[in-house]
Amino acid sequence: PESLTAREHDVLRLFAAGLSGKEVAARLGLSPKTVDRRRGDVLRKLDAVSMAEAVATAYRWGLVSGRPADDDA
């Protein structure tokens, strides 16, 4: 699979922590539209049809672990 950018990884970690798109945008200082774009990029790169599938893949591949939402607090 294609490598995720640092920002895509940030978005993925926060979605994995259960944050909504709006919460991810606020946490990262991005617009919700930008988060949607990054989310789409993550789905494409991980060959996933949903964010739940992308998150499951990310855990399986070790791209995310633990409590990622606490990392950026």
PDB file of N, CA and C in Angstrom:
ATOM      1  N   PRO A   1       0.823  -1.207   0.000  1.00  0.00           N
ATOM      2  CA  PRO A   1       0.000   0.000   0.000  1.00  0.00           C
ATOM      3  C   PRO A   1       0.858   1.258   0.000  1.00  0.00           C
ATOM      4  N   GLU A   2       0.262   2.309  -0.464  1.00  0.00           N
ATOM      5  CA  GLU A   2       0.927   3.614  -0.489  1.00  0.00           C
ATOM      6  C   GLU A   2       1.130   4.115   0.939  1.00  0.00           C
ATOM      7  N   SER A   3       2.236   4.782   1.197  1.00  0.00           N
ATOM      8  CA  SER A   3       2.511   5.312   2.533  1.00  0.00           C
ATOM      9  C   SER A   3       1.606   6.496   2.849  1.00  0.00           C
ATOM     10  N   LEU A   4       1.210   6.575   4.111  1.00  0.00           N
ATOM     11  CA  LEU A   4       0.421   7.716   4.573  1.00  0.00           C
ATOM     12  C   LEU A   4       1.354   8.876   4.881  1.00  0.00           C
ATOM     13  N   THR A   5       0.879  10.092   4.604  1.00  0.00           N
ATOM     14  CA  THR A   5       1.622  11.272   5.017  1.00  0.00           C
ATOM     15  C   THR A   5       1.464  11.427   6.529  1.00  0.00           C
ATOM     16  N   ALA A   6       2.262  12.275   7.112  1.00  0.00           N
ATOM     17  CA  ALA A   6       2.167  12.526   8.554  1.00  0.00           C
ATOM     18  C   ALA A   6       0.769  13.032   8.917  1.00  0.00           C
ATOM     19  N   ARG A   7       0.217  13.916   8.120  1.00  0.00           N
ATOM     20  CA  ARG A   7      -1.107  14.467   8.407  1.00  0.00           C
ATOM     21  C   ARG A   7      -2.192  13.404   8.261  1.00  0.00           C
ATOM     22  N   GLU A   8      -2.072  12.550   7.247  1.00  0.00           N
ATOM     23  CA  GLU A   8      -3.035  11.460   7.089  1.00  0.00           C
ATOM     24  C   GLU A   8      -2.969  10.517   8.287  1.00  0.00           C
ATOM     25  N   HIS A   9      -1.770  10.272   8.762  1.00  0.00           N
ATOM     26  CA  HIS A   9      -1.602   9.416   9.940  1.00  0.00           C
ATOM     27  C   HIS A   9      -2.254  10.057  11.154  1.00  0.00           C
ATOM     28  N   ASP A  10      -2.087  11.365  11.320  1.00  0.00           N
ATOM     29  CA  ASP A  10      -2.731  12.089  12.423  1.00  0.00           C
ATOM     30  C   ASP A  10      -4.249  11.928  12.357  1.00  0.00           C
ATOM     31  N   VAL A  11      -4.799  12.133  11.165  1.00  0.00           N
ATOM     32  CA  VAL A  11      -6.247  12.012  10.973  1.00  0.00           C
ATOM     33  C   VAL A  11      -6.699  10.592  11.301  1.00  0.00           C
ATOM     34  N   LEU A  12      -5.987   9.608  10.812  1.00  0.00           N
ATOM     35  CA  LEU A  12      -6.335   8.216  11.064  1.00  0.00           C
ATOM     36  C   LEU A  12      -6.293   7.904  12.561  1.00  0.00           C
ATOM     37  N   ARG A  13      -5.247   8.351  13.264  1.00  0.00           N
ATOM     38  CA  ARG A  13      -5.134   8.096  14.700  1.00  0.00           C
ATOM     39  C   ARG A  13      -6.304   8.688  15.466  1.00  0.00           C
ATOM     40  N   LEU A  14      -6.717   9.881  15.088  1.00  0.00           N
ATOM     41  CA  LEU A  14      -7.805  10.533  15.806  1.00  0.00           C
ATOM     42  C   LEU A  14      -9.147   9.876  15.506  1.00  0.00           C
ATOM     43  N   PHE A  15      -9.375   9.467  14.257  1.00  0.00           N
ATOM     44  CA  PHE A  15     -10.581   8.704  13.952  1.00  0.00           C
ATOM     45  C   PHE A  15     -10.559   7.385  14.716  1.00  0.00           C
ATOM     46  N   ALA A  16      -9.403   6.754  14.822  1.00  0.00           N
ATOM     47  CA  ALA A  16      -9.277   5.493  15.551  1.00  0.00           C
ATOM     48  C   ALA A  16      -9.623   5.681  17.028  1.00  0.00           C
ATOM     49  N   ALA A  17      -9.375   6.879  17.538  1.00  0.00           N
ATOM     50  CA  ALA A  17      -9.684   7.177  18.938  1.00  0.00           C
ATOM     51  C   ALA A  17     -11.164   7.490  19.141  1.00  0.00           C
ATOM     52  N   GLY A  18     -11.928   7.511  18.038  1.00  0.00           N
ATOM     53  CA  GLY A  18     -13.365   7.721  18.147  1.00  0.00           C
ATOM     54  C   GLY A  18     -13.821   9.153  17.949  1.00  0.00           C
ATOM     55  N   LEU A  19     -12.918  10.041  17.530  1.00  0.00           N
ATOM     56  CA  LEU A  19     -13.317  11.419  17.298  1.00  0.00           C
ATOM     57  C   LEU A  19     -14.113  11.535  16.002  1.00  0.00           C
ATOM     58  N   SER A  20     -15.010  12.501  15.963  1.00  0.00           N
ATOM     59  CA  SER A  20     -15.769  12.783  14.740  1.00  0.00           C
ATOM     60  C   SER A  20     -14.911  13.636  13.809  1.00  0.00           C
ATOM     61  N   GLY A  21     -15.375  13.788  12.584  1.00  0.00           N
ATOM     62  CA  GLY A  21     -14.655  14.628  11.628  1.00  0.00           C
ATOM     63  C   GLY A  21     -14.480  16.052  12.134  1.00  0.00           C
ATOM     64  N   LYS A  22     -15.524  16.605  12.735  1.00  0.00           N
ATOM     65  CA  LYS A  22     -15.441  17.968  13.271  1.00  0.00           C
ATOM     66  C   LYS A  22     -14.443  18.045  14.424  1.00  0.00           C
ATOM     67  N   GLU A  23     -14.435  17.013  15.267  1.00  0.00           N
ATOM     68  CA  GLU A  23     -13.496  16.989  16.391  1.00  0.00           C
ATOM     69  C   GLU A  23     -12.055  16.852  15.895  1.00  0.00           C
ATOM     70  N   VAL A  24     -11.855  16.028  14.869  1.00  0.00           N
ATOM     71  CA  VAL A  24     -10.523  15.888  14.279  1.00  0.00           C
ATOM     72  C   VAL A  24     -10.073  17.224  13.716  1.00  0.00           C
ATOM     73  N   ALA A  25     -10.962  17.901  13.006  1.00  0.00           N
ATOM     74  CA  ALA A  25     -10.634  19.207  12.421  1.00  0.00           C
ATOM     75  C   ALA A  25     -10.225  20.200  13.510  1.00  0.00           C
ATOM     76  N   ALA A  26     -10.998  20.253  14.580  1.00  0.00           N
ATOM     77  CA  ALA A  26     -10.691  21.183  15.676  1.00  0.00           C
ATOM     78  C   ALA A  26      -9.367  20.825  16.329  1.00  0.00           C
ATOM     79  N   ARG A  27      -9.134  19.558  16.562  1.00  0.00           N
ATOM     80  CA  ARG A  27      -7.903  19.106  17.226  1.00  0.00           C
ATOM     81  C   ARG A  27      -6.674  19.453  16.398  1.00  0.00           C
ATOM     82  N   LEU A  28      -6.788  19.308  15.069  1.00  0.00           N
ATOM     83  CA  LEU A  28      -5.630  19.531  14.194  1.00  0.00           C
ATOM     84  C   LEU A  28      -5.576  20.933  13.598  1.00  0.00           C
ATOM     85  N   GLY A  29      -6.587  21.741  13.887  1.00  0.00           N
ATOM     86  CA  GLY A  29      -6.604  23.097  13.336  1.00  0.00           C
ATOM     87  C   GLY A  29      -6.835  23.117  11.833  1.00  0.00           C
ATOM     88  N   LEU A  30      -7.646  22.180  11.358  1.00  0.00           N
ATOM     89  CA  LEU A  30      -7.959  22.080   9.935  1.00  0.00           C
ATOM     90  C   LEU A  30      -9.441  22.346   9.721  1.00  0.00           C
ATOM     91  N   SER A  31      -9.822  22.606   8.486  1.00  0.00           N
ATOM     92  CA  SER A  31     -11.239  22.734   8.188  1.00  0.00           C
ATOM     93  C   SER A  31     -11.832  21.328   8.071  1.00  0.00           C
ATOM     94  N   PRO A  32     -13.127  21.190   8.360  1.00  0.00           N
ATOM     95  CA  PRO A  32     -13.764  19.877   8.194  1.00  0.00           C
ATOM     96  C   PRO A  32     -13.624  19.349   6.760  1.00  0.00           C
ATOM     97  N   LYS A  33     -13.629  20.247   5.802  1.00  0.00           N
ATOM     98  CA  LYS A  33     -13.483  19.841   4.404  1.00  0.00           C
ATOM     99  C   LYS A  33     -12.096  19.225   4.160  1.00  0.00           C
ATOM    100  N   THR A  34     -11.075  19.799   4.759  1.00  0.00           N
ATOM    101  CA  THR A  34      -9.721  19.251   4.632  1.00  0.00           C
ATOM    102  C   THR A  34      -9.641  17.883   5.290  1.00  0.00           C
ATOM    103  N   VAL A  35     -10.283  17.726   6.451  1.00  0.00           N
ATOM    104  CA  VAL A  35     -10.300  16.429   7.121  1.00  0.00           C
ATOM    105  C   VAL A  35     -11.000  15.404   6.231  1.00  0.00           C
ATOM    106  N   ASP A  36     -12.100  15.791   5.598  1.00  0.00           N
ATOM    107  CA  ASP A  36     -12.797  14.878   4.685  1.00  0.00           C
ATOM    108  C   ASP A  36     -11.881  14.446   3.544  1.00  0.00           C
ATOM    109  N   ARG A  37     -11.114  15.383   3.026  1.00  0.00           N
ATOM    110  CA  ARG A  37     -10.186  15.072   1.931  1.00  0.00           C
ATOM    111  C   ARG A  37      -9.105  14.094   2.412  1.00  0.00           C
ATOM    112  N   ARG A  38      -8.533  14.362   3.581  1.00  0.00           N
ATOM    113  CA  ARG A  38      -7.506  13.472   4.135  1.00  0.00           C
ATOM    114  C   ARG A  38      -8.092  12.095   4.434  1.00  0.00           C
ATOM    115  N   ARG A  39      -9.320  12.071   4.937  1.00  0.00           N
ATOM    116  CA  ARG A  39     -10.002  10.808   5.208  1.00  0.00           C
ATOM    117  C   ARG A  39     -10.129   9.993   3.927  1.00  0.00           C
ATOM    118  N   GLY A  40     -10.520  10.652   2.848  1.00  0.00           N
ATOM    119  CA  GLY A  40     -10.619   9.976   1.556  1.00  0.00           C
ATOM    120  C   GLY A  40      -9.280   9.446   1.085  1.00  0.00           C
ATOM    121  N   ASP A  41      -8.229  10.215   1.312  1.00  0.00           N
ATOM    122  CA  ASP A  41      -6.883   9.772   0.937  1.00  0.00           C
ATOM    123  C   ASP A  41      -6.486   8.531   1.732  1.00  0.00           C
ATOM    124  N   VAL A  42      -6.810   8.522   3.034  1.00  0.00           N
ATOM    125  CA  VAL A  42      -6.499   7.375   3.886  1.00  0.00           C
ATOM    126  C   VAL A  42      -7.245   6.138   3.381  1.00  0.00           C
ATOM    127  N   LEU A  43      -8.529   6.297   3.100  1.00  0.00           N
ATOM    128  CA  LEU A  43      -9.323   5.170   2.611  1.00  0.00           C
ATOM    129  C   LEU A  43      -8.725   4.603   1.322  1.00  0.00           C
ATOM    130  N   ARG A  44      -8.358   5.483   0.422  1.00  0.00           N
ATOM    131  CA  ARG A  44      -7.789   5.041  -0.854  1.00  0.00           C
ATOM    132  C   ARG A  44      -6.468   4.314  -0.632  1.00  0.00           C
ATOM    133  N   LYS A  45      -5.600   4.899   0.171  1.00  0.00           N
ATOM    134  CA  LYS A  45      -4.269   4.319   0.379  1.00  0.00           C
ATOM    135  C   LYS A  45      -4.326   2.990   1.135  1.00  0.00           C
ATOM    136  N   LEU A  46      -5.310   2.836   2.023  1.00  0.00           N
ATOM    137  CA  LEU A  46      -5.436   1.589   2.768  1.00  0.00           C
ATOM    138  C   LEU A  46      -6.400   0.620   2.087  1.00  0.00           C
ATOM    139  N   ASP A  47      -6.908   1.028   0.923  1.00  0.00           N
ATOM    140  CA  ASP A  47      -7.843   0.211   0.151  1.00  0.00           C
ATOM    141  C   ASP A  47      -9.026  -0.214   1.017  1.00  0.00           C
ATOM    142  N   ALA A  48      -9.598   0.765   1.711  1.00  0.00           N
ATOM    143  CA  ALA A  48     -10.722   0.528   2.618  1.00  0.00           C
ATOM    144  C   ALA A  48     -11.966   1.230   2.092  1.00  0.00           C
ATOM    145  N   VAL A  49     -13.130   0.668   2.398  1.00  0.00           N
ATOM    146  CA  VAL A  49     -14.385   1.274   1.950  1.00  0.00           C
ATOM    147  C   VAL A  49     -15.032   2.131   3.036  1.00  0.00           C
ATOM    148  N   SER A  50     -14.535   2.008   4.272  1.00  0.00           N
ATOM    149  CA  SER A  50     -15.074   2.809   5.371  1.00  0.00           C
ATOM    150  C   SER A  50     -13.934   3.141   6.331  1.00  0.00           C
ATOM    151  N   MET A  51     -14.177   4.142   7.167  1.00  0.00           N
ATOM    152  CA  MET A  51     -13.158   4.502   8.150  1.00  0.00           C
ATOM    153  C   MET A  51     -12.996   3.380   9.163  1.00  0.00           C
ATOM    154  N   ALA A  52     -14.077   2.660   9.478  1.00  0.00           N
ATOM    155  CA  ALA A  52     -13.968   1.525  10.403  1.00  0.00           C
ATOM    156  C   ALA A  52     -13.012   0.473   9.841  1.00  0.00           C
ATOM    157  N   GLU A  53     -13.126   0.202   8.548  1.00  0.00           N
ATOM    158  CA  GLU A  53     -12.217  -0.756   7.918  1.00  0.00           C
ATOM    159  C   GLU A  53     -10.786  -0.224   7.916  1.00  0.00           C
ATOM    160  N   ALA A  54     -10.622   1.065   7.650  1.00  0.00           N
ATOM    161  CA  ALA A  54      -9.285   1.671   7.652  1.00  0.00           C
ATOM    162  C   ALA A  54      -8.662   1.594   9.045  1.00  0.00           C
ATOM    163  N   VAL A  55      -9.454   1.852  10.075  1.00  0.00           N
ATOM    164  CA  VAL A  55      -8.956   1.795  11.453  1.00  0.00           C
ATOM    165  C   VAL A  55      -8.564   0.362  11.807  1.00  0.00           C
ATOM    166  N   ALA A  56      -9.409  -0.601  11.430  1.00  0.00           N
ATOM    167  CA  ALA A  56      -9.078  -2.007  11.701  1.00  0.00           C
ATOM    168  C   ALA A  56      -7.776  -2.385  11.011  1.00  0.00           C
ATOM    169  N   THR A  57      -7.610  -1.964   9.770  1.00  0.00           N
ATOM    170  CA  THR A  57      -6.383  -2.237   9.025  1.00  0.00           C
ATOM    171  C   THR A  57      -5.198  -1.574   9.705  1.00  0.00           C
ATOM    172  N   ALA A  58      -5.389  -0.346  10.157  1.00  0.00           N
ATOM    173  CA  ALA A  58      -4.308   0.396  10.810  1.00  0.00           C
ATOM    174  C   ALA A  58      -3.851  -0.301  12.090  1.00  0.00           C
ATOM    175  N   TYR A  59      -4.792  -0.813  12.877  1.00  0.00           N
ATOM    176  CA  TYR A  59      -4.420  -1.561  14.085  1.00  0.00           C
ATOM    177  C   TYR A  59      -3.695  -2.850  13.710  1.00  0.00           C
ATOM    178  N   ARG A  60      -4.206  -3.543  12.709  1.00  0.00           N
ATOM    179  CA  ARG A  60      -3.607  -4.808  12.283  1.00  0.00           C
ATOM    180  C   ARG A  60      -2.173  -4.610  11.807  1.00  0.00           C
ATOM    181  N   TRP A  61      -1.923  -3.517  11.109  1.00  0.00           N
ATOM    182  CA  TRP A  61      -0.590  -3.225  10.570  1.00  0.00           C
ATOM    183  C   TRP A  61       0.296  -2.463  11.553  1.00  0.00           C
ATOM    184  N   GLY A  62      -0.242  -2.136  12.729  1.00  0.00           N
ATOM    185  CA  GLY A  62       0.546  -1.421  13.725  1.00  0.00           C
ATOM    186  C   GLY A  62       0.715   0.060  13.446  1.00  0.00           C
ATOM    187  N   LEU A  63      -0.168   0.616  12.613  1.00  0.00           N
ATOM    188  CA  LEU A  63      -0.093   2.052  12.316  1.00  0.00           C
ATOM    189  C   LEU A  63      -0.636   2.895  13.457  1.00  0.00           C
ATOM    190  N   VAL A  64      -1.536   2.326  14.256  1.00  0.00           N
ATOM    191  CA  VAL A  64      -2.072   3.000  15.430  1.00  0.00           C
ATOM    192  C   VAL A  64      -2.108   2.000  16.574  1.00  0.00           C
ATOM    193  N   SER A  65      -2.051   2.515  17.789  1.00  0.00           N
ATOM    194  CA  SER A  65      -2.109   1.654  18.966  1.00  0.00           C
ATOM    195  C   SER A  65      -2.461   2.495  20.175  1.00  0.00           C
ATOM    196  N   GLY A  66      -2.860   1.848  21.237  1.00  0.00           N
ATOM    197  CA  GLY A  66      -3.122   2.551  22.490  1.00  0.00           C
ATOM    198  C   GLY A  66      -4.242   3.543  22.400  1.00  0.00           C
ATOM    199  N   ARG A  67      -4.006   4.716  22.983  1.00  0.00           N
ATOM    200  CA  ARG A  67      -5.018   5.765  23.064  1.00  0.00           C
ATOM    201  C   ARG A  67      -4.539   6.985  22.295  1.00  0.00           C
ATOM    202  N   PRO A  68      -4.644   6.970  20.966  1.00  0.00           N
ATOM    203  CA  PRO A  68      -4.061   8.026  20.152  1.00  0.00           C
ATOM    204  C   PRO A  68      -4.607   9.420  20.392  1.00  0.00           C
ATOM    205  N   ALA A  69      -5.847   9.568  20.857  1.00  0.00           N
ATOM    206  CA  ALA A  69      -6.399  10.914  21.069  1.00  0.00           C
ATOM    207  C   ALA A  69      -5.646  11.645  22.173  1.00  0.00           C
ATOM    208  N   ASP A  70      -5.062  10.917  23.116  1.00  0.00           N
ATOM    209  CA  ASP A  70      -4.336  11.548  24.202  1.00  0.00           C
ATOM    210  C   ASP A  70      -2.980  12.103  23.761  1.00  0.00           C
ATOM    211  N   ASP A  71      -2.446  11.610  22.647  1.00  0.00           N
ATOM    212  CA  ASP A  71      -1.137  12.042  22.180  1.00  0.00           C
ATOM    213  C   ASP A  71      -1.063  13.523  21.864  1.00  0.00           C
ATOM    214  N   ASP A  72      -2.157  14.090  21.364  1.00  0.00           N
ATOM    215  CA  ASP A  72      -2.138  15.477  20.909  1.00  0.00           C
ATOM    216  C   ASP A  72      -2.820  16.426  21.882  1.00  0.00           C
ATOM    217  N   ALA A  73      -3.213  15.952  23.032  1.00  0.00           N
ATOM    218  CA  ALA A  73      -3.947  16.795  23.990  1.00  0.00           C
ATOM    219  C   ALA A  73      -3.061  17.869  24.561  1.00  0.00           C
TER     220      ALA A  73
END
